[in-house]
Amino acid sequence: MHHSGTPTPLSSVAVMAWSGLTVAAVVPGVLWLVRRTPLWERIAVAPGIALPLLVLLHAWAVLGDLVGLAPAAGPLVTEPVLLAGAVLFWVPVVARTRHRLSDPGRCLYLFLAAPLLDLPAVGVIAAGHSAEGIAMIVGMLPLGVIAAAVTWSWVQREERLAVAAETLPAPTGGRHVG
């Protein structure tokens, strides 16, 4: 990240935007394409572990330079680790594993993750790197869009089930009237 008083180079803004976009759109898109791979069952972790893990890894990757926790190799280390955390985060949403979230669980999980993942970007903005922080927030916007789409899909599915239940004949209780 750029720390001097000179204008922010476009490259650091692009890196922050790409990092956010990768976590919020690229990883879930790729996972959706390969969601039936048996590998996901082997690497899946509980959502209660995956979400805090991603939040912590994301904070480390985004704020590491500012707080002195960045590794010497910088993004060459933090980005692959962040990608691995993103995969673990998205598996309970996308893949059918023992840790698959229910429809309401997926909605809550994603809507909870969005502001938590934006907090490090707010820290970057507060540290005086507005362009990079805003780029990260914008890059993460697909997460909110996916959360809204998952919610809409759940609502539509519930509506179809309710309509189907209304069209079924009422049970007679097993007695034959005649």
Protein backbone atom coordinates (compact mmCIF):
# COMPACT_ATOMS: atom_id res chain seq x y z
CA MET A 1 0.00 0.00 0.00
CA HIS A 2 1.17 3.53 -0.68
CA HIS A 3 2.13 5.48 2.47
CA SER A 4 3.54 8.82 1.38
CA GLY A 5 1.69 12.12 1.05
CA THR A 6 1.79 11.93 -2.74
CA PRO A 7 -1.29 10.94 -4.73
CA THR A 8 -2.21 7.27 -4.66
CA PRO A 9 -0.87 5.37 -7.66
CA LEU A 10 -3.58 3.78 -9.73
CA SER A 11 -1.88 0.40 -9.34
CA SER A 12 -2.48 0.22 -5.56
CA VAL A 13 -6.13 1.17 -6.07
CA ALA A 14 -6.47 -1.53 -8.73
CA VAL A 15 -4.82 -4.11 -6.45
CA MET A 16 -7.27 -3.35 -3.64
CA ALA A 17 -10.26 -3.48 -5.99
CA TRP A 18 -9.09 -6.75 -7.54
CA SER A 19 -8.47 -8.30 -4.13
CA GLY A 20 -12.01 -7.45 -3.02
CA LEU A 21 -13.52 -8.60 -6.30
CA THR A 22 -11.64 -11.89 -6.11
CA VAL A 23 -13.02 -12.68 -2.64
CA ALA A 24 -16.55 -11.46 -3.40
CA ALA A 25 -17.12 -12.60 -6.99
CA VAL A 26 -14.35 -14.67 -8.58
CA VAL A 27 -14.05 -17.30 -5.83
CA PRO A 28 -17.82 -17.90 -5.50
CA GLY A 29 -18.18 -17.93 -9.29
CA VAL A 30 -15.49 -20.55 -9.74
CA LEU A 31 -16.82 -22.59 -6.81
CA TRP A 32 -20.31 -22.51 -8.29
CA LEU A 33 -18.95 -23.90 -11.57
CA VAL A 34 -17.24 -26.79 -9.74
CA ARG A 35 -19.67 -27.10 -6.82
CA ARG A 36 -20.22 -30.83 -7.31
CA THR A 37 -16.54 -31.70 -6.86
CA PRO A 38 -16.10 -34.20 -4.00
CA LEU A 39 -13.08 -32.20 -2.78
CA TRP A 40 -15.38 -29.69 -1.05
CA GLU A 41 -16.62 -32.32 1.39
CA ARG A 42 -13.02 -33.01 2.43
CA ILE A 43 -12.01 -29.39 2.99
CA ALA A 44 -15.31 -27.94 4.24
CA VAL A 45 -15.26 -26.34 7.67
CA ALA A 46 -18.19 -25.20 9.76
CA PRO A 47 -19.52 -21.76 8.81
CA GLY A 48 -18.87 -20.62 12.39
CA ILE A 49 -15.18 -21.16 11.69
CA ALA A 50 -15.08 -20.11 8.02
CA LEU A 51 -16.61 -16.65 8.53
CA PRO A 52 -14.36 -15.45 11.38
CA LEU A 53 -11.36 -16.98 9.64
CA LEU A 54 -12.04 -15.01 6.46
CA VAL A 55 -12.70 -11.82 8.41
CA LEU A 56 -9.35 -12.17 10.23
CA LEU A 57 -7.41 -13.13 7.10
CA HIS A 58 -8.98 -10.26 5.18
CA ALA A 59 -8.10 -7.79 7.95
CA TRP A 60 -4.52 -9.10 7.97
CA ALA A 61 -4.21 -8.84 4.18
CA VAL A 62 -5.73 -5.35 4.02
CA LEU A 63 -4.35 -3.79 7.20
CA GLY A 64 -1.06 -5.69 7.53
CA ASP A 65 1.03 -2.86 6.07
CA LEU A 66 -0.59 -0.28 8.31
CA VAL A 67 -0.12 -2.16 11.57
CA GLY A 68 3.23 -3.80 10.86
CA LEU A 69 1.94 -7.35 10.43
CA ALA A 70 2.57 -7.72 6.71
CA PRO A 71 5.02 -10.45 5.73
CA ALA A 72 8.18 -9.40 3.91
CA ALA A 73 6.87 -10.87 0.66
CA GLY A 74 3.63 -8.88 1.03
CA PRO A 75 0.81 -9.84 -1.35
CA LEU A 76 2.76 -12.88 -2.58
CA VAL A 77 1.94 -14.41 0.81
CA THR A 78 -1.25 -12.65 1.88
CA GLU A 79 -3.24 -13.06 -1.35
CA PRO A 80 -2.95 -16.88 -1.63
CA VAL A 81 -3.79 -17.22 2.08
CA LEU A 82 -6.76 -14.88 1.60
CA LEU A 83 -7.91 -16.91 -1.41
CA ALA A 84 -7.79 -20.12 0.65
CA GLY A 85 -9.86 -18.43 3.36
CA ALA A 86 -12.34 -17.22 0.73
CA VAL A 87 -12.74 -20.75 -0.60
CA LEU A 88 -13.45 -22.07 2.91
CA PHE A 89 -15.90 -19.20 3.43
CA TRP A 90 -17.87 -19.84 0.23
CA VAL A 91 -18.04 -23.67 0.44
CA PRO A 92 -20.98 -23.69 2.95
CA VAL A 93 -22.90 -21.34 0.64
CA VAL A 94 -22.21 -22.96 -2.72
CA ALA A 95 -21.32 -26.64 -2.31
CA ARG A 96 -23.44 -29.43 -0.88
CA THR A 97 -21.39 -30.66 2.06
CA ARG A 98 -22.13 -31.62 5.63
CA HIS A 99 -21.63 -27.92 6.44
CA ARG A 100 -24.07 -26.64 3.80
CA LEU A 101 -26.14 -23.80 5.18
CA SER A 102 -29.91 -23.73 4.92
CA ASP A 103 -31.50 -20.97 2.85
CA PRO A 104 -32.05 -18.67 5.84
CA GLY A 105 -28.58 -19.57 7.15
CA ARG A 106 -26.97 -18.60 3.84
CA CYS A 107 -28.80 -15.27 3.85
CA LEU A 108 -27.74 -14.46 7.41
CA TYR A 109 -24.16 -15.65 6.79
CA LEU A 110 -23.71 -13.49 3.69
CA PHE A 111 -25.46 -10.39 5.06
CA LEU A 112 -23.36 -10.66 8.24
CA ALA A 113 -20.12 -11.11 6.27
CA ALA A 114 -20.57 -8.02 4.07
CA PRO A 115 -20.11 -5.31 6.73
CA LEU A 116 -17.51 -7.35 8.63
CA LEU A 117 -15.38 -7.62 5.50
CA ASP A 118 -15.75 -3.90 4.84
CA LEU A 119 -14.35 -2.93 8.26
CA PRO A 120 -10.67 -3.29 7.23
CA ALA A 121 -11.35 -1.05 4.22
CA VAL A 122 -12.83 1.54 6.58
CA GLY A 123 -9.58 1.28 8.56
CA VAL A 124 -7.61 1.94 5.38
CA ILE A 125 -9.76 5.01 4.70
CA ALA A 126 -9.29 6.21 8.29
CA ALA A 127 -5.53 5.83 7.85
CA GLY A 128 -5.66 8.33 5.01
CA HIS A 129 -5.77 5.96 2.04
CA SER A 130 -9.24 6.83 0.82
CA ALA A 131 -8.83 5.66 -2.76
CA GLU A 132 -7.58 2.21 -1.75
CA GLY A 133 -10.25 1.77 0.93
CA ILE A 134 -13.07 2.80 -1.38
CA ALA A 135 -11.67 0.53 -4.11
CA MET A 136 -11.78 -2.40 -1.67
CA ILE A 137 -15.37 -1.62 -0.65
CA VAL A 138 -16.44 -1.34 -4.29
CA GLY A 139 -14.62 -4.58 -5.12
CA MET A 140 -16.55 -6.33 -2.32
CA LEU A 141 -19.98 -5.14 -3.53
CA PRO A 142 -20.74 -8.42 -5.34
CA LEU A 143 -20.98 -10.07 -1.91
CA GLY A 144 -24.04 -7.96 -1.13
CA VAL A 145 -25.48 -8.64 -4.58
CA ILE A 146 -25.00 -12.40 -4.05
CA ALA A 147 -26.62 -12.14 -0.60
CA ALA A 148 -29.62 -10.39 -2.16
CA ALA A 149 -29.82 -13.01 -4.95
CA VAL A 150 -29.66 -15.88 -2.44
CA THR A 151 -32.43 -14.22 -0.42
CA TRP A 152 -34.57 -13.68 -3.52
CA SER A 153 -34.07 -17.29 -4.58
CA TRP A 154 -35.09 -18.51 -1.11
CA VAL A 155 -38.22 -16.32 -1.08
CA GLN A 156 -39.20 -17.53 -4.55
CA ARG A 157 -38.66 -21.18 -3.56
CA GLU A 158 -40.80 -20.73 -0.43
CA GLU A 159 -43.52 -19.10 -2.51
CA ARG A 160 -43.54 -21.99 -5.00
CA LEU A 161 -43.76 -24.51 -2.14
CA ALA A 162 -46.64 -22.60 -0.54
CA VAL A 163 -48.56 -22.48 -3.83
CA ALA A 164 -47.90 -26.19 -4.42
CA ALA A 165 -49.13 -27.01 -0.90
CA GLU A 166 -52.35 -25.10 -1.53
CA THR A 167 -53.09 -27.10 -4.67
CA LEU A 168 -52.68 -30.52 -3.04
CA PRO A 169 -55.89 -32.28 -1.96
CA ALA A 170 -56.58 -32.17 1.76
CA PRO A 171 -55.86 -35.41 3.64
CA THR A 172 -58.97 -37.39 4.62
CA GLY A 173 -57.51 -38.83 7.80
CA GLY A 174 -57.32 -42.39 6.44
CA ARG A 175 -61.06 -43.15 6.82
CA HIS A 176 -63.16 -44.12 3.85
CA VAL A 177 -66.56 -42.49 3.79
CA GLY A 178 -69.06 -44.39 1.79
